[in-house]
Every structure is written in C-alpha cells, then in structure tokens.
C-alpha cells in the first residue's frame, strides 16, 4: 500500500482487527465510524496520516466539520468515543482531552429543548443559483435527508416506484434505507432533480463531492437558509403527525406521559418508523426531533 492518506484506513482496520473488544454491534459501529473518520480527514486535505499521528488539529477539523453538518451532540460524542478508543490502542492516549466539555461539545439534549424544525422558504429556495444545489435542498426538505445524501444521490436510480431507495454509499455509516414517496411535493422534487442531473448524481460531472458541498454551503448561506438541518426536524414532526394523528410534542402536541396505553403503542410504532426513514437505528433519537 502506498504511503499516502489511505494508510490511515489500513492502520485503523488493522487496529480494529487486533482489538475486538465490545459487542458485535459495537464492533460493527466502531469500524464504520473509524473508516468514515479516515475518509473525512482525507477529504479535509490531511495527507500521509498514520494511526499514531493524530493530533489536536485533526480533531479540531473533524469537530468543526461535524458542527457545520448539523450533527446531533450525541452523534459527535459517539464519534469522539471511537477516536479515543483508536488513540488508546495506537499508544497515543492523552492526545485528545478525556472530557468532551474541554472540546466545546455541549451536554446531550433531548426533550425539553425548543423545536429546531425549519420549513423550506420557497422564496429563498428560488434564489439559489446553482440548479444542482437547488435540487439537493428541495430533496432534503421533501424526504428529510442529510446534506451528503441529498448531494450524492442519483435521483433516477433512487426513485423506485412508491419508495425512494438510498444506496449505502450515499448514506451515513453506509446504511441503505427506503423512504416512502407519499406526496405530490416529493414527486415534484424528484422530477426536478432528474431534470437537472439526468442519469447522474447531484454533483456536476466537473466537480468533486467536496467542491459541490462547499458550493452548497456557500449558496444556502448567501440566500439566508442556514445549515438546513432543521429540514430533517420538520420532516420528522410532519411524519409523526401523519402517522399518529397528533402533533409531535415539540410542535405543540401532548407529551408521551399523558397518552393512553393504545396511544403509546401508536407513538412507539411511529417513532420507530420515522427513525428508520431518517437513517437512525434507535427510535429514542426521535426525542431530539419530536420531543
């Protein structure tokens, strides 16, 4: 293997193979996150990295990137746990502070916090100049997608009848998923995306993913749309209401503790379904989105 940025991927995989502590699920999550982190460092321009050469500047880059992506505090904490495991096994314990507070990572927040739901402003959306960005933003709003998913998607492949199929290579953690196509707005967003992308992805042929992501970030800032993670919150709350017939707690609906036994069963089923549509494996994550 060449001594370039791919060496970090090789090093981390070898460390993972030698240190198989933890449950089967933990081990699977660990290698998925470590390989993701290696790829993100490579995308950030850090070359010739080895497992033992991680430094505070690399961690700062990752933290800033994850915050820009609008990742939940819990997700960032989980990734930092994997990094600490990595540096301990690489004999570099102490490279990263043991306390998340020292890195500016706030305490995990679930219920009781204000809603972060954000509906897409049509006027601001229309002001986005790049049609690929405009299509990605529309899809993110219509299907509750993460930024990377909305950029990497190949719309003509994703649209499969009554469902949107998201390939693992487009998704966080490499986990594919299905999202139901239920509304005229979703179909309109897909039709526009296919018109823009043709048979390709929502990354123009002459650009890389990183280049398109930077253009995406710049253009949504220019029109005043923020980081748009609130679109996922809006999608989650809307789907919860559609499935239960009640507004989500963060949208003004009743708290779970006030529900009847039958209503709680419906609440649980709705949370599990919406969680999977968002690309999460744990229904409790819906506390962040819906309360």
C-alpha atoms as a PDB file:
ATOM      1  CA  UNK A   1       0.000   0.000   0.000  1.00  0.00           C
ATOM      2  CA  UNK A   2       1.300   3.478  -0.888  1.00  0.00           C
ATOM      3  CA  UNK A   3       2.279   5.747   1.958  1.00  0.00           C
ATOM      4  CA  UNK A   4      -0.499   8.247   1.402  1.00  0.00           C
ATOM      5  CA  UNK A   5      -3.754   9.114   3.126  1.00  0.00           C
ATOM      6  CA  UNK A   6      -5.068   5.596   2.501  1.00  0.00           C
ATOM      7  CA  UNK A   7      -2.505   4.324   5.011  1.00  0.00           C
ATOM      8  CA  UNK A   8      -4.705   5.663   7.813  1.00  0.00           C
ATOM      9  CA  UNK A   9      -7.587   3.497   6.618  1.00  0.00           C
ATOM     10  CA  UNK A  10      -5.270   0.483   6.569  1.00  0.00           C
ATOM     11  CA  UNK A  11      -3.868   1.265  10.030  1.00  0.00           C
ATOM     12  CA  UNK A  12      -7.301   1.682  11.591  1.00  0.00           C
ATOM     13  CA  UNK A  13      -8.574  -1.532  10.053  1.00  0.00           C
ATOM     14  CA  UNK A  14      -5.562  -3.428  11.402  1.00  0.00           C
ATOM     15  CA  UNK A  15      -6.023  -1.951  14.885  1.00  0.00           C
ATOM     16  CA  UNK A  16      -9.695  -2.927  14.774  1.00  0.00           C
ATOM     17  CA  UNK A  17      -8.849  -6.496  13.739  1.00  0.00           C
ATOM     18  CA  UNK A  18      -6.358  -6.885  16.609  1.00  0.00           C
ATOM     19  CA  UNK A  19      -8.658  -5.392  19.257  1.00  0.00           C
ATOM     20  CA  UNK A  20     -12.087  -6.993  19.055  1.00  0.00           C
ATOM     21  CA  UNK A  21     -13.399  -5.809  22.423  1.00  0.00           C
ATOM     22  CA  UNK A  22     -17.067  -4.932  22.724  1.00  0.00           C
ATOM     23  CA  UNK A  23     -20.286  -6.485  21.468  1.00  0.00           C
ATOM     24  CA  UNK A  24     -20.882  -7.448  17.846  1.00  0.00           C
ATOM     25  CA  UNK A  25     -22.946  -4.287  17.321  1.00  0.00           C
ATOM     26  CA  UNK A  26     -20.300  -2.102  18.969  1.00  0.00           C
ATOM     27  CA  UNK A  27     -17.544  -3.575  16.823  1.00  0.00           C
ATOM     28  CA  UNK A  28     -19.569  -3.008  13.671  1.00  0.00           C
ATOM     29  CA  UNK A  29     -20.351   0.594  14.622  1.00  0.00           C
ATOM     30  CA  UNK A  30     -16.708   1.180  15.568  1.00  0.00           C
ATOM     31  CA  UNK A  31     -15.167   0.149  12.243  1.00  0.00           C
ATOM     32  CA  UNK A  32     -17.863   2.003  10.292  1.00  0.00           C
ATOM     33  CA  UNK A  33     -17.109   5.215  12.179  1.00  0.00           C
ATOM     34  CA  UNK A  34     -13.336   4.821  12.052  1.00  0.00           C
ATOM     35  CA  UNK A  35     -13.347   4.363   8.280  1.00  0.00           C
ATOM     36  CA  UNK A  36     -15.713   7.324   7.919  1.00  0.00           C
ATOM     37  CA  UNK A  37     -13.367   9.492  10.012  1.00  0.00           C
ATOM     38  CA  UNK A  38     -10.376   8.402   7.922  1.00  0.00           C
ATOM     39  CA  UNK A  39     -12.236   9.346   4.746  1.00  0.00           C
ATOM     40  CA  UNK A  40     -13.273  12.725   6.148  1.00  0.00           C
ATOM     41  CA  UNK A  41      -9.692  13.535   7.146  1.00  0.00           C
ATOM     42  CA  UNK A  42      -8.594  12.631   3.628  1.00  0.00           C
ATOM     43  CA  UNK A  43     -11.304  14.897   2.208  1.00  0.00           C
ATOM     44  CA  UNK A  44     -10.049  17.645   4.519  1.00  0.00           C
ATOM     45  CA  UNK A  45      -6.656  17.563   2.827  1.00  0.00           C
ATOM     46  CA  UNK A  46      -4.685  15.742   5.510  1.00  0.00           C
ATOM     47  CA  UNK A  47      -2.168  13.560   3.706  1.00  0.00           C
ATOM     48  CA  UNK A  48       0.170  10.781   4.857  1.00  0.00           C
ATOM     49  CA  UNK A  49      -1.669  10.262   8.119  1.00  0.00           C
ATOM     50  CA  UNK A  50      -0.993   7.172  10.221  1.00  0.00           C
ATOM     51  CA  UNK A  51      -2.954   5.925  13.199  1.00  0.00           C
ATOM     52  CA  UNK A  52      -0.314   7.218  15.609  1.00  0.00           C
ATOM     53  CA  UNK A  53      -0.077  10.675  14.029  1.00  0.00           C
ATOM     54  CA  UNK A  54      -3.480  12.041  15.014  1.00  0.00           C
ATOM     55  CA  UNK A  55      -3.097  15.481  16.593  1.00  0.00           C
ATOM     56  CA  UNK A  56      -5.388  18.162  18.064  1.00  0.00           C
ATOM     57  CA  UNK A  57      -5.569  19.985  14.719  1.00  0.00           C
ATOM     58  CA  UNK A  58      -7.114  16.902  13.115  1.00  0.00           C
ATOM     59  CA  UNK A  59      -9.695  16.636  15.901  1.00  0.00           C
ATOM     60  CA  UNK A  60     -10.465  20.367  15.581  1.00  0.00           C
ATOM     61  CA  UNK A  61     -11.088  19.915  11.865  1.00  0.00           C
ATOM     62  CA  UNK A  62     -13.440  16.999  12.471  1.00  0.00           C
ATOM     63  CA  UNK A  63     -15.379  18.793  15.201  1.00  0.00           C
ATOM     64  CA  UNK A  64     -15.808  21.919  13.086  1.00  0.00           C
ATOM     65  CA  UNK A  65     -16.958  19.829  10.137  1.00  0.00           C
ATOM     66  CA  UNK A  66     -19.470  17.860  12.190  1.00  0.00           C
ATOM     67  CA  UNK A  67     -20.898  21.031  13.708  1.00  0.00           C
ATOM     68  CA  UNK A  68     -21.229  22.588  10.242  1.00  0.00           C
ATOM     69  CA  UNK A  69     -23.074  19.445   9.139  1.00  0.00           C
ATOM     70  CA  UNK A  70     -25.519  19.963  11.982  1.00  0.00           C
ATOM     71  CA  UNK A  71     -24.819  16.598  13.616  1.00  0.00           C
ATOM     72  CA  UNK A  72     -26.557  15.919  16.899  1.00  0.00           C
ATOM     73  CA  UNK A  73     -24.490  16.247  20.058  1.00  0.00           C
ATOM     74  CA  UNK A  74     -24.970  12.538  20.733  1.00  0.00           C
ATOM     75  CA  UNK A  75     -23.558  11.616  17.309  1.00  0.00           C
ATOM     76  CA  UNK A  76     -20.482  13.799  17.865  1.00  0.00           C
ATOM     77  CA  UNK A  77     -19.929  12.259  21.305  1.00  0.00           C
ATOM     78  CA  UNK A  78     -20.171   8.762  19.860  1.00  0.00           C
ATOM     79  CA  UNK A  79     -17.582   9.573  17.197  1.00  0.00           C
ATOM     80  CA  UNK A  80     -15.258  11.051  19.801  1.00  0.00           C
ATOM     81  CA  UNK A  81     -15.567   7.825  21.810  1.00  0.00           C
ATOM     82  CA  UNK A  82     -14.360   5.896  18.764  1.00  0.00           C
ATOM     83  CA  UNK A  83     -11.450   8.320  18.320  1.00  0.00           C
ATOM     84  CA  UNK A  84     -10.436   7.866  21.966  1.00  0.00           C
ATOM     85  CA  UNK A  85     -10.566   4.101  21.530  1.00  0.00           C
ATOM     86  CA  UNK A  86      -8.371   4.465  18.446  1.00  0.00           C
ATOM     87  CA  UNK A  87      -5.674   6.586  20.083  1.00  0.00           C
ATOM     88  CA  UNK A  88      -5.602   4.354  23.156  1.00  0.00           C
ATOM     89  CA  UNK A  89      -4.967   1.269  21.001  1.00  0.00           C
ATOM     90  CA  UNK A  90      -2.377   3.209  18.987  1.00  0.00           C
ATOM     91  CA  UNK A  91      -0.491   4.081  22.187  1.00  0.00           C
ATOM     92  CA  UNK A  92      -1.302   7.795  21.950  1.00  0.00           C
ATOM     93  CA  UNK A  93      -3.737   8.148  24.852  1.00  0.00           C
ATOM     94  CA  UNK A  94      -3.827  11.752  26.035  1.00  0.00           C
ATOM     95  CA  UNK A  95      -3.738  13.235  22.547  1.00  0.00           C
ATOM     96  CA  UNK A  96      -7.419  14.125  22.957  1.00  0.00           C
ATOM     97  CA  UNK A  97      -8.906  15.503  26.212  1.00  0.00           C
ATOM     98  CA  UNK A  98     -10.899  12.888  28.096  1.00  0.00           C
ATOM     99  CA  UNK A  99     -13.732  15.361  28.784  1.00  0.00           C
ATOM    100  CA  UNK A 100     -15.975  16.467  25.916  1.00  0.00           C
ATOM    101  CA  UNK A 101     -16.542  19.827  27.601  1.00  0.00           C
ATOM    102  CA  UNK A 102     -12.852  20.625  27.030  1.00  0.00           C
ATOM    103  CA  UNK A 103     -13.521  20.325  23.289  1.00  0.00           C
ATOM    104  CA  UNK A 104     -16.570  22.583  23.376  1.00  0.00           C
ATOM    105  CA  UNK A 105     -19.026  19.709  22.975  1.00  0.00           C
ATOM    106  CA  UNK A 106     -22.196  20.520  24.942  1.00  0.00           C
ATOM    107  CA  UNK A 107     -24.188  18.090  27.022  1.00  0.00           C
ATOM    108  CA  UNK A 108     -26.547  15.823  25.102  1.00  0.00           C
ATOM    109  CA  UNK A 109     -30.017  17.347  24.696  1.00  0.00           C
ATOM    110  CA  UNK A 110     -33.273  15.513  24.108  1.00  0.00           C
ATOM    111  CA  UNK A 111     -36.736  16.550  25.221  1.00  0.00           C
ATOM    112  CA  UNK A 112     -37.427  19.912  26.803  1.00  0.00           C
ATOM    113  CA  UNK A 113     -35.431  21.848  24.210  1.00  0.00           C
ATOM    114  CA  UNK A 114     -37.126  24.154  21.689  1.00  0.00           C
ATOM    115  CA  UNK A 115     -38.097  22.720  18.333  1.00  0.00           C
ATOM    116  CA  UNK A 116     -35.475  23.080  15.602  1.00  0.00           C
ATOM    117  CA  UNK A 117     -37.957  22.362  12.805  1.00  0.00           C
ATOM    118  CA  UNK A 118     -37.393  24.532   9.742  1.00  0.00           C
ATOM    119  CA  UNK A 119     -39.756  24.651   6.776  1.00  0.00           C
ATOM    120  CA  UNK A 120     -38.171  25.410   3.431  1.00  0.00           C
ATOM    121  CA  UNK A 121     -38.745  29.043   2.457  1.00  0.00           C
ATOM    122  CA  UNK A 122     -39.836  28.913  -1.226  1.00  0.00           C
ATOM    123  CA  UNK A 123     -38.650  32.444  -1.985  1.00  0.00           C
ATOM    124  CA  UNK A 124     -35.160  31.844  -0.602  1.00  0.00           C
ATOM    125  CA  UNK A 125     -35.029  28.439  -2.279  1.00  0.00           C
ATOM    126  CA  UNK A 126     -35.749  30.004  -5.662  1.00  0.00           C
ATOM    127  CA  UNK A 127     -32.831  32.411  -5.177  1.00  0.00           C
ATOM    128  CA  UNK A 128     -30.292  29.557  -5.111  1.00  0.00           C
ATOM    129  CA  UNK A 129     -28.365  29.981  -8.358  1.00  0.00           C
ATOM    130  CA  UNK A 130     -26.835  26.531  -8.801  1.00  0.00           C
ATOM    131  CA  UNK A 131     -29.589  24.153 -10.058  1.00  0.00           C
ATOM    132  CA  UNK A 132     -27.806  21.136  -8.530  1.00  0.00           C
ATOM    133  CA  UNK A 133     -27.829  22.804  -5.120  1.00  0.00           C
ATOM    134  CA  UNK A 134     -31.446  23.877  -5.592  1.00  0.00           C
ATOM    135  CA  UNK A 135     -32.411  20.272  -6.383  1.00  0.00           C
ATOM    136  CA  UNK A 136     -30.488  18.889  -3.392  1.00  0.00           C
ATOM    137  CA  UNK A 137     -32.113  21.332  -0.989  1.00  0.00           C
ATOM    138  CA  UNK A 138     -35.589  20.500  -2.307  1.00  0.00           C
ATOM    139  CA  UNK A 139     -34.951  16.773  -1.864  1.00  0.00           C
ATOM    140  CA  UNK A 140     -33.582  17.336   1.651  1.00  0.00           C
ATOM    141  CA  UNK A 141     -36.786  19.118   2.610  1.00  0.00           C
ATOM    142  CA  UNK A 142     -39.116  16.643   0.909  1.00  0.00           C
ATOM    143  CA  UNK A 143     -37.513  13.489   2.327  1.00  0.00           C
ATOM    144  CA  UNK A 144     -35.720  14.596   5.493  1.00  0.00           C
ATOM    145  CA  UNK A 145     -32.293  13.857   4.014  1.00  0.00           C
ATOM    146  CA  UNK A 146     -28.872  14.692   5.378  1.00  0.00           C
ATOM    147  CA  UNK A 147     -26.838  17.148   3.341  1.00  0.00           C
ATOM    148  CA  UNK A 148     -24.436  14.492   1.995  1.00  0.00           C
ATOM    149  CA  UNK A 149     -27.291  12.214   0.965  1.00  0.00           C
ATOM    150  CA  UNK A 150     -29.037  14.993  -0.922  1.00  0.00           C
ATOM    151  CA  UNK A 151     -25.816  15.822  -2.783  1.00  0.00           C
ATOM    152  CA  UNK A 152     -24.599  12.293  -3.591  1.00  0.00           C
ATOM    153  CA  UNK A 153     -27.959  10.878  -4.661  1.00  0.00           C
ATOM    154  CA  UNK A 154     -28.531   9.682  -8.213  1.00  0.00           C
ATOM    155  CA  UNK A 155     -32.228  10.616  -8.487  1.00  0.00           C
ATOM    156  CA  UNK A 156     -33.051   8.412 -11.475  1.00  0.00           C
ATOM    157  CA  UNK A 157     -31.807   5.352  -9.548  1.00  0.00           C
ATOM    158  CA  UNK A 158     -33.245   6.388  -6.192  1.00  0.00           C
ATOM    159  CA  UNK A 159     -36.819   6.761  -7.439  1.00  0.00           C
ATOM    160  CA  UNK A 160     -38.237   3.237  -7.384  1.00  0.00           C
ATOM    161  CA  UNK A 161     -41.998   3.423  -7.701  1.00  0.00           C
ATOM    162  CA  UNK A 162     -43.545   4.334  -4.371  1.00  0.00           C
ATOM    163  CA  UNK A 163     -40.249   4.473  -2.464  1.00  0.00           C
ATOM    164  CA  UNK A 164     -37.004   6.395  -2.533  1.00  0.00           C
ATOM    165  CA  UNK A 165     -34.111   3.937  -2.280  1.00  0.00           C
ATOM    166  CA  UNK A 166     -30.974   5.468  -0.767  1.00  0.00           C
ATOM    167  CA  UNK A 167     -27.871   3.435  -1.541  1.00  0.00           C
ATOM    168  CA  UNK A 168     -25.440   2.793   1.291  1.00  0.00           C
ATOM    169  CA  UNK A 169     -22.675   4.714  -0.483  1.00  0.00           C
ATOM    170  CA  UNK A 170     -24.790   7.877  -0.241  1.00  0.00           C
ATOM    171  CA  UNK A 171     -25.681   7.461   3.435  1.00  0.00           C
ATOM    172  CA  UNK A 172     -24.099   7.998   6.820  1.00  0.00           C
ATOM    173  CA  UNK A 173     -22.469   4.814   8.070  1.00  0.00           C
ATOM    174  CA  UNK A 174     -23.038   3.118   4.719  1.00  0.00           C
ATOM    175  CA  UNK A 175     -26.551   2.079   5.765  1.00  0.00           C
ATOM    176  CA  UNK A 176     -29.034   1.958   2.842  1.00  0.00           C
ATOM    177  CA  UNK A 177     -32.683   2.737   3.514  1.00  0.00           C
ATOM    178  CA  UNK A 178     -36.109   3.230   1.981  1.00  0.00           C
ATOM    179  CA  UNK A 179     -38.213   6.362   2.368  1.00  0.00           C
ATOM    180  CA  UNK A 180     -41.837   6.278   1.198  1.00  0.00           C
ATOM    181  CA  UNK A 181     -42.925   8.614  -1.595  1.00  0.00           C
ATOM    182  CA  UNK A 182     -46.313   9.871  -0.444  1.00  0.00           C
ATOM    183  CA  UNK A 183     -46.874  13.402  -1.696  1.00  0.00           C
ATOM    184  CA  UNK A 184     -47.036  15.425  -4.891  1.00  0.00           C
ATOM    185  CA  UNK A 185     -44.318  17.681  -3.450  1.00  0.00           C
ATOM    186  CA  UNK A 186     -41.923  14.742  -3.163  1.00  0.00           C
ATOM    187  CA  UNK A 187     -42.601  13.656  -6.731  1.00  0.00           C
ATOM    188  CA  UNK A 188     -42.110  17.228  -7.969  1.00  0.00           C
ATOM    189  CA  UNK A 189     -38.767  17.427  -6.152  1.00  0.00           C
ATOM    190  CA  UNK A 190     -37.657  14.157  -7.758  1.00  0.00           C
ATOM    191  CA  UNK A 191     -38.803  15.210 -11.222  1.00  0.00           C
ATOM    192  CA  UNK A 192     -36.827  18.443 -10.937  1.00  0.00           C
ATOM    193  CA  UNK A 193     -33.749  16.604  -9.631  1.00  0.00           C
ATOM    194  CA  UNK A 194     -33.834  14.166 -12.561  1.00  0.00           C
ATOM    195  CA  UNK A 195     -34.251  17.067 -14.985  1.00  0.00           C
ATOM    196  CA  UNK A 196     -31.108  18.645 -13.506  1.00  0.00           C
ATOM    197  CA  UNK A 197     -28.973  15.526 -13.007  1.00  0.00           C
ATOM    198  CA  UNK A 198     -30.108  13.358 -15.903  1.00  0.00           C
ATOM    199  CA  UNK A 199     -28.682   9.888 -15.303  1.00  0.00           C
ATOM    200  CA  UNK A 200     -26.023  11.158 -12.892  1.00  0.00           C
ATOM    201  CA  UNK A 201     -25.808  12.364  -9.315  1.00  0.00           C
ATOM    202  CA  UNK A 202     -26.443  15.849  -7.990  1.00  0.00           C
ATOM    203  CA  UNK A 203     -22.724  16.510  -8.226  1.00  0.00           C
ATOM    204  CA  UNK A 204     -21.947  18.076 -11.619  1.00  0.00           C
ATOM    205  CA  UNK A 205     -19.520  15.962 -13.692  1.00  0.00           C
ATOM    206  CA  UNK A 206     -16.773  18.584 -13.480  1.00  0.00           C
ATOM    207  CA  UNK A 207     -16.838  18.791  -9.656  1.00  0.00           C
ATOM    208  CA  UNK A 208     -15.890  16.532  -6.767  1.00  0.00           C
ATOM    209  CA  UNK A 209     -18.183  15.903  -3.816  1.00  0.00           C
ATOM    210  CA  UNK A 210     -16.127  18.259  -1.624  1.00  0.00           C
ATOM    211  CA  UNK A 211     -16.285  21.016  -4.223  1.00  0.00           C
ATOM    212  CA  UNK A 212     -20.055  20.635  -4.553  1.00  0.00           C
ATOM    213  CA  UNK A 213     -20.539  20.539  -0.787  1.00  0.00           C
ATOM    214  CA  UNK A 214     -18.644  23.813  -0.429  1.00  0.00           C
ATOM    215  CA  UNK A 215     -20.754  25.395  -3.156  1.00  0.00           C
ATOM    216  CA  UNK A 216     -23.882  24.056  -1.441  1.00  0.00           C
ATOM    217  CA  UNK A 217     -22.844  25.594   1.901  1.00  0.00           C
ATOM    218  CA  UNK A 218     -21.915  28.917   0.303  1.00  0.00           C
ATOM    219  CA  UNK A 219     -25.130  29.250  -1.678  1.00  0.00           C
ATOM    220  CA  UNK A 220     -27.509  28.417   1.172  1.00  0.00           C
ATOM    221  CA  UNK A 221     -25.667  30.959   3.340  1.00  0.00           C
ATOM    222  CA  UNK A 222     -25.955  33.574   0.595  1.00  0.00           C
ATOM    223  CA  UNK A 223     -29.752  33.232   0.457  1.00  0.00           C
ATOM    224  CA  UNK A 224     -30.063  33.063   4.255  1.00  0.00           C
ATOM    225  CA  UNK A 225     -31.161  29.447   4.680  1.00  0.00           C
ATOM    226  CA  UNK A 226     -28.739  28.455   7.479  1.00  0.00           C
ATOM    227  CA  UNK A 227     -27.368  24.911   7.647  1.00  0.00           C
ATOM    228  CA  UNK A 228     -30.793  23.360   6.851  1.00  0.00           C
ATOM    229  CA  UNK A 229     -30.549  20.523   9.385  1.00  0.00           C
ATOM    230  CA  UNK A 230     -33.882  21.844  10.633  1.00  0.00           C
ATOM    231  CA  UNK A 231     -35.468  20.422   7.478  1.00  0.00           C
ATOM    232  CA  UNK A 232     -34.993  16.940   8.969  1.00  0.00           C
ATOM    233  CA  UNK A 233     -36.744  18.075  12.146  1.00  0.00           C
ATOM    234  CA  UNK A 234     -39.612  19.453  10.065  1.00  0.00           C
ATOM    235  CA  UNK A 235     -39.884  16.187   8.135  1.00  0.00           C
ATOM    236  CA  UNK A 236     -39.823  14.107  11.339  1.00  0.00           C
ATOM    237  CA  UNK A 237     -42.532  16.162  13.007  1.00  0.00           C
ATOM    238  CA  UNK A 238     -44.712  16.093   9.912  1.00  0.00           C
ATOM    239  CA  UNK A 239     -44.396  12.314   9.543  1.00  0.00           C
ATOM    240  CA  UNK A 240     -45.097  11.783  13.237  1.00  0.00           C
ATOM    241  CA  UNK A 241     -48.322  13.759  12.914  1.00  0.00           C
ATOM    242  CA  UNK A 242     -49.271  11.902   9.741  1.00  0.00           C
ATOM    243  CA  UNK A 243     -48.761   8.503  11.401  1.00  0.00           C
ATOM    244  CA  UNK A 244     -50.340   9.255  14.789  1.00  0.00           C
ATOM    245  CA  UNK A 245     -52.933  11.917  14.009  1.00  0.00           C
ATOM    246  CA  UNK A 246     -51.346  14.125  16.698  1.00  0.00           C
ATOM    247  CA  UNK A 247     -48.799  16.891  16.540  1.00  0.00           C
ATOM    248  CA  UNK A 248     -45.370  15.974  17.903  1.00  0.00           C
ATOM    249  CA  UNK A 249     -44.682  17.226  21.435  1.00  0.00           C
ATOM    250  CA  UNK A 250     -42.152  19.754  20.110  1.00  0.00           C
ATOM    251  CA  UNK A 251     -44.783  21.026  17.683  1.00  0.00           C
ATOM    252  CA  UNK A 252     -47.290  21.604  20.475  1.00  0.00           C
ATOM    253  CA  UNK A 253     -48.755  18.090  20.793  1.00  0.00           C
ATOM    254  CA  UNK A 254     -49.261  16.117  24.012  1.00  0.00           C
ATOM    255  CA  UNK A 255     -46.322  14.653  25.924  1.00  0.00           C
ATOM    256  CA  UNK A 256     -45.967  10.886  25.796  1.00  0.00           C
ATOM    257  CA  UNK A 257     -46.617  10.532  29.513  1.00  0.00           C
ATOM    258  CA  UNK A 258     -50.149  11.877  29.006  1.00  0.00           C
ATOM    259  CA  UNK A 259     -51.084   9.327  26.309  1.00  0.00           C
ATOM    260  CA  UNK A 260     -53.356   6.346  26.833  1.00  0.00           C
ATOM    261  CA  UNK A 261     -51.982   2.817  26.542  1.00  0.00           C
ATOM    262  CA  UNK A 262     -53.220   2.443  22.975  1.00  0.00           C
ATOM    263  CA  UNK A 263     -51.871   5.859  22.024  1.00  0.00           C
ATOM    264  CA  UNK A 264     -48.471   4.938  23.445  1.00  0.00           C
ATOM    265  CA  UNK A 265     -48.343   1.864  21.242  1.00  0.00           C
ATOM    266  CA  UNK A 266     -49.062   4.043  18.213  1.00  0.00           C
ATOM    267  CA  UNK A 267     -46.473   6.552  19.394  1.00  0.00           C
ATOM    268  CA  UNK A 268     -43.828   3.829  19.688  1.00  0.00           C
ATOM    269  CA  UNK A 269     -44.572   2.426  16.231  1.00  0.00           C
ATOM    270  CA  UNK A 270     -44.496   5.893  14.649  1.00  0.00           C
ATOM    271  CA  UNK A 271     -41.174   6.753  16.299  1.00  0.00           C
ATOM    272  CA  UNK A 272     -39.598   3.541  15.049  1.00  0.00           C
ATOM    273  CA  UNK A 273     -40.837   4.114  11.504  1.00  0.00           C
ATOM    274  CA  UNK A 274     -39.763   7.763  11.323  1.00  0.00           C
ATOM    275  CA  UNK A 275     -36.408   6.937  12.899  1.00  0.00           C
ATOM    276  CA  UNK A 276     -35.713   4.407  10.136  1.00  0.00           C
ATOM    277  CA  UNK A 277     -36.794   6.873   7.445  1.00  0.00           C
ATOM    278  CA  UNK A 278     -34.261   9.360   8.834  1.00  0.00           C
ATOM    279  CA  UNK A 279     -31.498   6.740   8.798  1.00  0.00           C
ATOM    280  CA  UNK A 280     -31.312   6.084  12.548  1.00  0.00           C
ATOM    281  CA  UNK A 281     -31.473   2.711  14.250  1.00  0.00           C
ATOM    282  CA  UNK A 282     -32.794   3.928  17.601  1.00  0.00           C
ATOM    283  CA  UNK A 283     -36.368   5.221  17.991  1.00  0.00           C
ATOM    284  CA  UNK A 284     -35.295   7.205  21.069  1.00  0.00           C
ATOM    285  CA  UNK A 285     -33.419   9.578  18.752  1.00  0.00           C
ATOM    286  CA  UNK A 286     -36.857  10.937  17.830  1.00  0.00           C
ATOM    287  CA  UNK A 287     -36.777  12.714  21.221  1.00  0.00           C
ATOM    288  CA  UNK A 288     -34.358  15.131  19.573  1.00  0.00           C
ATOM    289  CA  UNK A 289     -36.634  15.750  16.607  1.00  0.00           C
ATOM    290  CA  UNK A 290     -40.130  15.384  18.012  1.00  0.00           C
ATOM    291  CA  UNK A 291     -39.866  15.547  21.795  1.00  0.00           C
END
